[in-house]
Amino acid sequence: MVEVGESSESASRVPNSRLVRNGSFREEDSFHRQVTNFGGSGSRNTSPIGRIGSRNTSPSRQKVIKTKPRGLDEETVATFSKAVQPDVQMEDNIWAMLPEDLLNEILARVPPFMIFRLRSVCKRWNSILQDNSFLKFHSQVPSHGPCLLTFWKNSQTPQCSVFSLPLKQWFRIPFTFLPPWAFWLVGSSGGLLCFSGLDGLTFKTLVCNPLTQSWRTLPSMHYNQQRQLVMVVDRRDRSFKVIATSDIYGDRSLPTEVYHSKIDKWSLHQTMPAVNLCSSKMAFCDSRLYMETLSPLGLMMYRLDTGHWEHIPARFPRSLLDGYLVAGTQKRLFLVGRIGLYSTLQSMRIWELDHVKIVWVEISRMPPRYFQALLRLSAERFECFGQDNLICFTSWTQGKSLLYDVDKKVWSWVAGCALQSYNSQVCFYEPRFDASIS
């Protein structure tokens, strides 16, 4: 659950209580959320928690409890719950008599993670969810909204958990459909995930859709080495591209390669000019790929439409310790990093690139209480990534995730963070059944 956070000026608290559900796509045991009927007023609430909580619906009878989350100051949190609504019984023959198009339109509006529970209702529903007409309706409805996807390996078995920001719930996605390679998560775009790794001694790249449990291996590159990759999905064209820059060891003599799903092949493009990269982190924004450079100082930009690299002399802020490039919407490019030489003077700040003046403009600072809870030590490792003007910070040592909404200027914790191990990989993810791997 995303706790209602605070802006840089004020803070507010959130109602919490615990609920556990089961299913093939099941919610994480560790998440917290308000006790509500998940399926609406007509769904059945048999949870003892739901029955007990329904007796306390008056604001005057709110139960105030003391909590002390790990790494946070003591807080007072009020618990709320809703009254249990009577069950609404619907005759089975009503669903059986629904026209196919109407049933497809109804199911297309069901949250994607609930679809797999509906597949077991009957053979008809199971077949409908794999039908092209259902996928057509699904592609026309608004997106479910951003999710946080956590990927890790437990005893060499791939594991995946997804936190739905709109539903404020964790879900476990089975990942046993992938091959037993030594692979790692590259990123996500448009409902697809990209992985790269080694099948024995051969470097391979694969793309999958976690919801449909489908995957395929991409053809080998012209220079088949472990490369820095980024995937981009074009939903209008129902296609995707994978950009391969220098290899992971910093060899920039390799030409840039781009994979096109429409023609199922890699094409060779300009080699990146000789520069000293600041890090391997990349950001794709407005058909342009950005990378940080130390010499010459600034950014390297790759234009996907022309296939050429160029240097942008955007100087980094002074005393920047570690910086991450984050892509936003409408051509917005952000820089996130720590400022300060000493731990007591450090702070986390966010800048936005002024494309006209070619300068970084500070737009926000992380409140001290969040910074101290996220990173207790000055040398602690953290990761940062973004989507749709949402920026997520993850701390591996503390096992926490923090969200910042650039538009609303609100900071909020992700409760029940599923950072299962030090090697967990996290990215934003948009669940879509119509995302094609072909």
Protein backbone atom coordinates (compact mmCIF):
# COMPACT_ATOMS: atom_id res chain seq x y z
CA MET A 1 0.00 0.00 0.00
CA VAL A 2 1.22 3.46 -0.70
CA GLU A 3 0.92 5.47 2.45
CA VAL A 4 -0.44 8.96 1.91
CA GLY A 5 2.72 10.97 2.10
CA GLU A 6 3.64 14.57 2.54
CA SER A 7 4.76 17.35 0.32
CA SER A 8 7.92 19.19 1.12
CA GLU A 9 5.97 21.36 3.53
CA SER A 10 3.51 19.13 5.41
CA ALA A 11 2.71 15.54 6.36
CA SER A 12 -0.40 13.46 6.82
CA ARG A 13 -1.10 9.95 8.07
CA VAL A 14 -2.82 6.94 6.58
CA PRO A 15 -5.28 4.31 7.70
CA ASN A 16 -3.74 0.82 7.85
CA SER A 17 -4.87 -2.69 8.60
CA ARG A 18 -3.81 -6.15 7.46
CA LEU A 19 -5.50 -8.43 4.99
CA VAL A 20 -4.28 -11.60 3.31
CA ARG A 21 -5.75 -13.22 0.22
CA ASN A 22 -4.87 -16.29 -1.80
CA GLY A 23 -4.89 -17.03 -5.53
CA SER A 24 -2.69 -17.93 -8.46
CA PHE A 25 -1.92 -14.23 -8.64
CA ARG A 26 -1.96 -13.75 -4.88
CA GLU A 27 -1.31 -10.70 -2.80
CA GLU A 28 1.90 -10.52 -0.80
CA ASP A 29 1.53 -11.58 2.82
CA SER A 30 3.37 -8.49 4.00
CA PHE A 31 1.30 -5.71 2.46
CA HIS A 32 -1.02 -3.42 4.44
CA ARG A 33 -4.20 -1.75 3.23
CA GLN A 34 -7.62 -0.54 4.29
CA VAL A 35 -10.16 -3.30 4.86
CA THR A 36 -12.63 -2.99 1.99
CA ASN A 37 -14.65 -5.28 -0.22
CA PHE A 38 -12.23 -5.83 -3.10
CA GLY A 39 -14.88 -6.75 -5.62
CA GLY A 40 -17.28 -3.95 -4.67
CA SER A 41 -20.48 -3.98 -2.69
CA GLY A 42 -21.64 -7.21 -4.28
CA SER A 43 -18.61 -9.31 -3.32
CA ARG A 44 -18.61 -11.57 -0.31
CA ASN A 45 -16.57 -10.57 2.72
CA THR A 46 -15.86 -13.64 4.82
CA SER A 47 -12.70 -12.34 6.46
CA PRO A 48 -12.86 -12.19 10.28
CA ILE A 49 -11.00 -8.92 10.01
CA GLY A 50 -13.71 -7.53 7.76
CA ARG A 51 -16.48 -8.61 10.16
CA ILE A 52 -14.75 -7.19 13.18
CA GLY A 53 -13.79 -3.96 11.44
CA SER A 54 -17.35 -3.35 10.24
CA ARG A 55 -18.50 -2.72 13.79
CA ASN A 56 -16.36 0.39 14.00
CA THR A 57 -17.67 2.69 11.27
CA SER A 58 -18.20 5.89 13.22
CA PRO A 59 -15.43 8.49 13.22
CA SER A 60 -16.02 8.97 16.94
CA ARG A 61 -15.17 5.31 17.53
CA GLN A 62 -11.90 5.24 15.61
CA LYS A 63 -9.29 3.17 17.36
CA VAL A 64 -5.99 4.98 17.68
CA ILE A 65 -2.93 2.79 17.87
CA LYS A 66 0.76 3.49 18.27
CA THR A 67 3.05 2.18 15.59
CA LYS A 68 6.78 2.46 15.10
CA PRO A 69 7.80 1.45 11.58
CA ARG A 70 11.38 0.32 11.16
CA GLY A 71 13.62 3.30 10.67
CA LEU A 72 10.86 5.86 11.22
CA ASP A 73 9.89 7.99 14.16
CA GLU A 74 6.93 6.92 16.25
CA GLU A 75 3.64 7.79 14.59
CA THR A 76 -0.02 7.80 15.53
CA VAL A 77 -2.16 5.99 12.95
CA ALA A 78 -5.96 5.83 12.93
CA THR A 79 -7.60 2.62 11.72
CA PHE A 80 -10.77 2.75 9.66
CA SER A 81 -13.03 0.15 8.08
CA LYS A 82 -16.24 0.06 6.12
CA ALA A 83 -19.53 -1.57 6.90
CA VAL A 84 -20.08 -4.94 5.26
CA GLN A 85 -22.65 -4.66 2.49
CA PRO A 86 -25.18 -7.48 1.99
CA ASP A 87 -24.32 -10.00 -0.71
CA VAL A 88 -25.98 -9.50 -4.06
CA GLN A 89 -26.87 -12.82 -5.66
CA MET A 90 -27.00 -13.00 -9.44
CA GLU A 91 -28.43 -15.96 -11.27
CA ASP A 92 -25.97 -17.95 -13.33
CA ASN A 93 -28.16 -17.86 -16.44
CA ILE A 94 -27.82 -14.07 -16.60
CA TRP A 95 -24.09 -14.39 -17.29
CA ALA A 96 -24.73 -17.29 -19.67
CA MET A 97 -27.12 -15.18 -21.74
CA LEU A 98 -24.80 -12.18 -22.09
CA PRO A 99 -23.75 -11.49 -25.69
CA GLU A 100 -20.11 -12.23 -26.43
CA ASP A 101 -19.22 -8.60 -27.20
CA LEU A 102 -20.82 -7.33 -23.99
CA LEU A 103 -19.04 -9.95 -21.88
CA ASN A 104 -15.73 -9.05 -23.55
CA GLU A 105 -16.30 -5.37 -22.78
CA ILE A 106 -17.09 -6.12 -19.13
CA LEU A 107 -14.06 -8.35 -18.62
CA ALA A 108 -11.79 -5.84 -20.37
CA ARG A 109 -12.53 -3.40 -17.54
CA VAL A 110 -11.63 -5.84 -14.79
CA PRO A 111 -8.24 -5.07 -13.16
CA PRO A 112 -5.64 -7.20 -14.99
CA PHE A 113 -4.48 -9.04 -11.87
CA MET A 114 -8.04 -10.24 -11.23
CA ILE A 115 -8.35 -11.81 -14.67
CA PHE A 116 -6.55 -14.97 -13.64
CA ARG A 117 -9.04 -15.57 -10.86
CA LEU A 118 -11.86 -15.27 -13.39
CA ARG A 119 -10.30 -17.79 -15.75
CA SER A 120 -11.33 -20.62 -13.44
CA VAL A 121 -15.01 -19.61 -13.46
CA CYS A 122 -15.85 -21.63 -16.56
CA LYS A 123 -14.38 -22.83 -19.86
CA ARG A 124 -16.15 -20.05 -21.72
CA TRP A 125 -14.49 -17.31 -19.70
CA ASN A 126 -11.13 -19.00 -19.93
CA SER A 127 -11.36 -19.07 -23.73
CA ILE A 128 -12.68 -15.51 -23.95
CA LEU A 129 -9.64 -14.12 -22.15
CA GLN A 130 -7.45 -15.53 -24.91
CA ASP A 131 -9.67 -14.28 -27.70
CA ASN A 132 -8.64 -11.48 -30.09
CA SER A 133 -11.93 -9.64 -29.58
CA PHE A 134 -11.26 -9.44 -25.82
CA LEU A 135 -7.76 -8.11 -26.48
CA LYS A 136 -9.27 -5.51 -28.80
CA PHE A 137 -11.61 -4.25 -26.06
CA HIS A 138 -8.77 -4.41 -23.53
CA SER A 139 -6.57 -2.21 -25.71
CA GLN A 140 -9.31 0.45 -25.86
CA VAL A 141 -9.91 0.84 -22.12
CA PRO A 142 -7.76 3.21 -20.04
CA SER A 143 -4.55 1.81 -18.62
CA HIS A 144 -4.69 0.13 -15.22
CA GLY A 145 -2.05 2.58 -14.04
CA PRO A 146 1.59 2.25 -12.98
CA CYS A 147 2.82 -0.64 -10.87
CA LEU A 148 6.11 -1.45 -9.17
CA LEU A 149 7.60 -4.77 -10.26
CA THR A 150 10.21 -6.52 -8.11
CA PHE A 151 12.22 -9.39 -9.60
CA TRP A 152 14.63 -11.64 -7.72
CA LYS A 153 15.84 -15.22 -7.60
CA ASN A 154 15.23 -17.57 -4.70
CA SER A 155 17.42 -20.69 -4.93
CA GLN A 156 17.87 -19.91 -8.64
CA THR A 157 14.09 -19.86 -9.10
CA PRO A 158 12.85 -16.55 -10.56
CA GLN A 159 10.33 -14.74 -8.36
CA CYS A 160 8.23 -11.67 -9.12
CA SER A 161 5.95 -9.43 -7.08
CA VAL A 162 3.94 -6.48 -8.40
CA PHE A 163 2.56 -3.59 -6.37
CA SER A 164 -0.48 -1.95 -7.98
CA LEU A 165 -0.51 1.76 -7.21
CA PRO A 166 -4.22 2.17 -8.11
CA LEU A 167 -5.29 -0.88 -6.04
CA LYS A 168 -2.62 -0.40 -3.33
CA GLN A 169 -1.96 -4.14 -3.17
CA TRP A 170 0.89 -6.57 -3.75
CA PHE A 171 0.44 -9.50 -6.14
CA ARG A 172 2.72 -12.48 -6.79
CA ILE A 173 3.22 -13.38 -10.46
CA PRO A 174 4.48 -16.89 -11.28
CA PHE A 175 7.69 -16.71 -13.31
CA THR A 176 8.44 -20.39 -13.82
CA PHE A 177 7.60 -20.05 -17.52
CA LEU A 178 11.00 -18.48 -18.28
CA PRO A 179 13.98 -20.65 -19.30
CA PRO A 180 16.59 -21.55 -16.63
CA TRP A 181 19.22 -19.06 -17.75
CA ALA A 182 21.45 -16.83 -15.68
CA PHE A 183 19.52 -13.69 -16.70
CA TRP A 184 18.77 -10.31 -15.18
CA LEU A 185 16.05 -7.72 -15.66
CA VAL A 186 16.81 -5.01 -18.23
CA GLY A 187 13.60 -3.00 -17.91
CA SER A 188 9.93 -2.67 -18.76
CA SER A 189 7.90 -0.80 -21.35
CA GLY A 190 4.29 -0.95 -22.51
CA GLY A 191 3.44 -4.17 -20.65
CA LEU A 192 6.55 -6.10 -21.73
CA LEU A 193 9.65 -7.04 -19.75
CA CYS A 194 13.12 -7.38 -21.24
CA PHE A 195 15.76 -9.74 -19.83
CA SER A 196 19.31 -10.48 -20.87
CA GLY A 197 21.71 -13.13 -19.68
CA LEU A 198 23.79 -16.17 -20.44
CA ASP A 199 22.58 -19.50 -21.74
CA GLY A 200 25.77 -21.36 -20.97
CA LEU A 201 28.38 -19.12 -22.61
CA THR A 202 26.02 -17.53 -25.14
CA PHE A 203 24.64 -14.05 -24.47
CA LYS A 204 20.90 -13.87 -25.14
CA THR A 205 18.07 -11.36 -24.90
CA LEU A 206 14.43 -12.28 -24.33
CA VAL A 207 11.15 -10.37 -24.11
CA CYS A 208 8.07 -11.57 -22.23
CA ASN A 209 4.57 -10.57 -21.17
CA PRO A 210 4.09 -11.63 -17.51
CA LEU A 211 0.29 -11.57 -17.75
CA THR A 212 0.01 -13.89 -20.76
CA GLN A 213 3.07 -15.91 -19.61
CA SER A 214 4.47 -15.71 -23.16
CA TRP A 215 8.11 -15.10 -24.09
CA ARG A 216 10.56 -15.36 -26.96
CA THR A 217 14.28 -15.04 -27.55
CA LEU A 218 15.56 -12.28 -29.82
CA PRO A 219 18.02 -13.07 -32.63
CA SER A 220 21.70 -12.71 -31.85
CA MET A 221 23.28 -9.28 -32.35
CA HIS A 222 26.00 -8.66 -34.91
CA TYR A 223 28.44 -8.21 -32.00
CA ASN A 224 26.93 -10.63 -29.50
CA GLN A 225 28.40 -9.46 -26.20
CA GLN A 226 26.87 -8.45 -22.88
CA ARG A 227 25.59 -5.01 -23.79
CA GLN A 228 23.78 -2.16 -22.06
CA LEU A 229 20.19 -2.44 -23.27
CA VAL A 230 16.97 -0.44 -23.17
CA MET A 231 13.58 -1.51 -24.55
CA VAL A 232 10.92 0.81 -25.99
CA VAL A 233 7.35 -0.24 -26.89
CA ASP A 234 5.24 1.55 -29.51
CA ARG A 235 1.61 0.66 -28.66
CA ARG A 236 0.13 2.38 -31.70
CA ASP A 237 2.32 0.37 -34.02
CA ARG A 238 2.11 -2.76 -31.79
CA SER A 239 5.87 -3.13 -31.99
CA PHE A 240 8.95 -2.68 -29.83
CA LYS A 241 12.63 -1.86 -30.20
CA VAL A 242 15.69 -2.77 -28.14
CA ILE A 243 18.71 -0.46 -28.21
CA ALA A 244 22.16 -1.92 -27.46
CA THR A 245 24.92 0.58 -26.67
CA SER A 246 28.40 -0.20 -25.30
CA ASP A 247 29.11 -3.49 -23.56
CA ILE A 248 28.83 -3.79 -19.76
CA TYR A 249 32.61 -3.55 -19.38
CA GLY A 250 32.72 -0.12 -21.01
CA ASP A 251 33.97 -1.09 -24.46
CA ARG A 252 32.59 1.80 -26.57
CA SER A 253 34.20 0.64 -29.80
CA LEU A 254 31.13 -1.46 -30.58
CA PRO A 255 28.57 0.06 -32.96
CA THR A 256 25.13 0.81 -31.60
CA GLU A 257 22.59 -1.84 -32.56
CA VAL A 258 18.79 -1.55 -32.66
CA TYR A 259 16.37 -4.47 -32.77
CA HIS A 260 13.06 -3.95 -34.63
CA SER A 261 10.30 -6.42 -33.77
CA LYS A 262 8.50 -5.77 -37.07
CA ILE A 263 11.39 -7.13 -39.12
CA ASP A 264 12.83 -9.36 -36.37
CA LYS A 265 16.43 -8.31 -36.86
CA TRP A 266 19.18 -6.05 -35.50
CA SER A 267 20.44 -3.06 -37.49
CA LEU A 268 23.85 -1.39 -37.10
CA HIS A 269 24.15 2.32 -36.32
CA GLN A 270 26.77 4.88 -35.38
CA THR A 271 29.34 3.96 -32.74
CA MET A 272 29.18 6.10 -29.61
CA PRO A 273 31.94 8.75 -29.64
CA ALA A 274 34.88 8.24 -27.27
CA VAL A 275 33.64 9.59 -23.92
CA ASN A 276 34.13 8.76 -20.25
CA LEU A 277 30.76 7.55 -19.03
CA CYS A 278 29.72 8.56 -15.53
CA SER A 279 27.59 5.42 -15.05
CA SER A 280 25.78 2.76 -17.02
CA LYS A 281 22.37 4.22 -16.13
CA MET A 282 20.32 5.38 -19.10
CA ALA A 283 17.02 7.18 -19.62
CA PHE A 284 14.83 7.09 -22.72
CA CYS A 285 12.78 10.24 -23.25
CA ASP A 286 11.00 11.56 -26.38
CA SER A 287 12.68 9.09 -28.78
CA ARG A 288 16.07 9.98 -27.33
CA LEU A 289 18.43 7.93 -25.19
CA TYR A 290 20.47 9.85 -22.59
CA MET A 291 23.65 8.81 -20.75
CA GLU A 292 25.81 10.75 -18.25
CA THR A 293 29.40 11.56 -19.16
CA LEU A 294 32.35 12.89 -17.16
CA SER A 295 34.62 13.73 -20.06
CA PRO A 296 33.40 15.75 -21.77
CA LEU A 297 31.08 16.75 -18.94
CA GLY A 298 27.39 16.52 -19.71
CA LEU A 299 25.16 14.06 -21.54
CA MET A 300 25.43 11.80 -24.55
CA MET A 301 22.18 11.66 -26.52
CA TYR A 302 21.24 9.01 -29.07
CA ARG A 303 18.45 9.93 -31.50
CA LEU A 304 16.46 6.82 -32.36
CA ASP A 305 14.98 8.40 -35.50
CA THR A 306 18.34 9.27 -37.07
CA GLY A 307 20.60 6.68 -35.40
CA HIS A 308 23.22 9.28 -34.42
CA TRP A 309 24.90 10.35 -31.16
CA GLU A 310 25.53 13.92 -30.03
CA HIS A 311 26.90 15.58 -26.90
CA ILE A 312 24.86 17.96 -24.71
CA PRO A 313 27.04 20.23 -22.51
CA ALA A 314 24.72 20.20 -19.48
CA ARG A 315 26.95 20.65 -16.43
CA PHE A 316 26.00 18.68 -13.32
CA PRO A 317 25.23 20.45 -10.02
CA ARG A 318 28.21 21.00 -7.73
CA SER A 319 28.96 18.41 -5.02
CA LEU A 320 26.78 15.81 -6.76
CA LEU A 321 27.75 12.43 -5.28
CA ASP A 322 25.69 10.06 -7.39
CA GLY A 323 23.22 10.94 -10.10
CA TYR A 324 20.44 9.05 -11.86
CA LEU A 325 18.75 10.12 -15.07
CA VAL A 326 14.97 9.63 -14.97
CA ALA A 327 12.61 10.06 -17.94
CA GLY A 328 9.32 11.90 -17.43
CA THR A 329 6.39 12.68 -19.67
CA GLN A 330 6.23 15.37 -22.36
CA LYS A 331 9.99 15.47 -23.03
CA ARG A 332 10.83 16.02 -19.34
CA LEU A 333 14.22 14.69 -18.20
CA PHE A 334 15.11 14.60 -14.50
CA LEU A 335 18.38 14.21 -12.62
CA VAL A 336 18.21 12.70 -9.12
CA GLY A 337 21.14 12.54 -6.72
CA ARG A 338 22.73 13.24 -3.35
CA ILE A 339 24.42 16.54 -2.60
CA GLY A 340 27.01 17.11 0.13
CA LEU A 341 30.41 15.82 1.16
CA TYR A 342 29.55 14.86 4.74
CA SER A 343 26.78 12.58 5.95
CA THR A 344 25.28 15.21 8.26
CA LEU A 345 25.02 17.71 5.41
CA GLN A 346 23.76 15.41 2.68
CA SER A 347 20.39 15.79 0.99
CA MET A 348 18.56 14.21 -1.93
CA ARG A 349 17.53 16.59 -4.70
CA ILE A 350 15.74 16.50 -8.03
CA TRP A 351 16.58 18.66 -11.05
CA GLU A 352 14.93 19.06 -14.44
CA LEU A 353 16.81 19.75 -17.65
CA ASP A 354 16.03 23.07 -19.31
CA HIS A 355 16.38 22.03 -22.95
CA VAL A 356 16.64 25.65 -24.12
CA LYS A 357 19.33 26.91 -21.71
CA ILE A 358 20.95 23.45 -21.32
CA VAL A 359 21.08 23.74 -17.53
CA TRP A 360 19.75 21.66 -14.64
CA VAL A 361 17.05 23.46 -12.60
CA GLU A 362 16.31 22.23 -9.09
CA ILE A 363 12.61 21.40 -8.63
CA SER A 364 12.44 19.51 -5.32
CA ARG A 365 14.30 18.22 -2.26
CA MET A 366 13.57 15.11 -0.27
CA PRO A 367 12.34 16.06 3.25
CA PRO A 368 15.01 15.27 5.90
CA ARG A 369 12.84 12.74 7.76
CA TYR A 370 12.42 10.67 4.58
CA PHE A 371 16.09 10.98 3.65
CA GLN A 372 17.23 9.81 7.10
CA ALA A 373 14.81 6.86 7.05
CA LEU A 374 15.75 5.82 3.50
CA LEU A 375 19.52 6.17 3.82
CA ARG A 376 20.84 5.95 7.37
CA LEU A 377 24.47 5.95 6.27
CA SER A 378 26.11 8.27 3.76
CA ALA A 379 27.58 5.35 1.81
CA GLU A 380 24.37 3.32 1.56
CA ARG A 381 23.42 2.14 -1.90
CA PHE A 382 20.15 3.23 -3.46
CA GLU A 383 18.49 2.95 -6.85
CA CYS A 384 16.24 5.42 -8.63
CA PHE A 385 13.92 5.05 -11.64
CA GLY A 386 10.79 6.72 -12.94
CA GLN A 387 7.72 6.65 -15.16
CA ASP A 388 4.96 9.17 -15.95
CA ASN A 389 6.49 11.82 -13.66
CA LEU A 390 6.64 9.33 -10.77
CA ILE A 391 10.08 8.77 -9.26
CA CYS A 392 10.82 5.76 -7.07
CA PHE A 393 13.73 5.47 -4.63
CA THR A 394 14.74 2.07 -3.26
CA SER A 395 17.17 1.34 -0.43
CA TRP A 396 18.65 -2.15 -0.40
CA THR A 397 19.98 -1.98 3.15
CA GLN A 398 16.74 -0.69 4.66
CA GLY A 399 14.49 -2.68 2.32
CA LYS A 400 12.26 0.31 1.61
CA SER A 401 10.77 2.14 -1.35
CA LEU A 402 9.77 5.80 -1.51
CA LEU A 403 7.68 7.46 -4.23
CA TYR A 404 7.68 11.06 -5.35
CA ASP A 405 4.93 12.49 -7.55
CA VAL A 406 6.52 15.33 -9.53
CA ASP A 407 3.17 16.86 -10.53
CA LYS A 408 1.53 16.70 -7.08
CA LYS A 409 4.82 17.29 -5.19
CA VAL A 410 3.94 14.50 -2.75
CA TRP A 411 6.28 11.98 -1.07
CA SER A 412 4.89 8.62 0.06
CA TRP A 413 6.21 5.29 1.34
CA VAL A 414 5.40 1.96 -0.30
CA ALA A 415 4.30 -0.25 2.60
CA GLY A 416 5.18 -3.93 2.60
CA CYS A 417 8.05 -3.32 0.19
CA ALA A 418 8.97 -6.61 -1.51
CA LEU A 419 12.74 -6.13 -1.69
CA GLN A 420 13.29 -9.80 -0.97
CA SER A 421 17.07 -9.80 -1.29
CA TYR A 422 20.06 -7.62 -1.93
CA ASN A 423 19.92 -8.68 -5.58
CA SER A 424 16.29 -7.64 -6.12
CA GLN A 425 15.65 -5.58 -9.24
CA VAL A 426 12.79 -3.06 -9.32
CA CYS A 427 11.17 -1.14 -12.15
CA PHE A 428 7.85 0.46 -13.07
CA TYR A 429 5.49 -1.84 -14.94
CA GLU A 430 2.23 -1.32 -16.82
CA PRO A 431 0.13 -4.55 -16.92
CA ARG A 432 -1.35 -5.15 -20.36
CA PHE A 433 -2.81 -8.29 -21.96
CA ASP A 434 -2.57 -6.79 -25.45
CA ALA A 435 1.20 -6.23 -25.28
CA SER A 436 2.53 -8.50 -28.02
CA ILE A 437 5.97 -10.14 -28.02
CA SER A 438 5.89 -10.66 -31.79
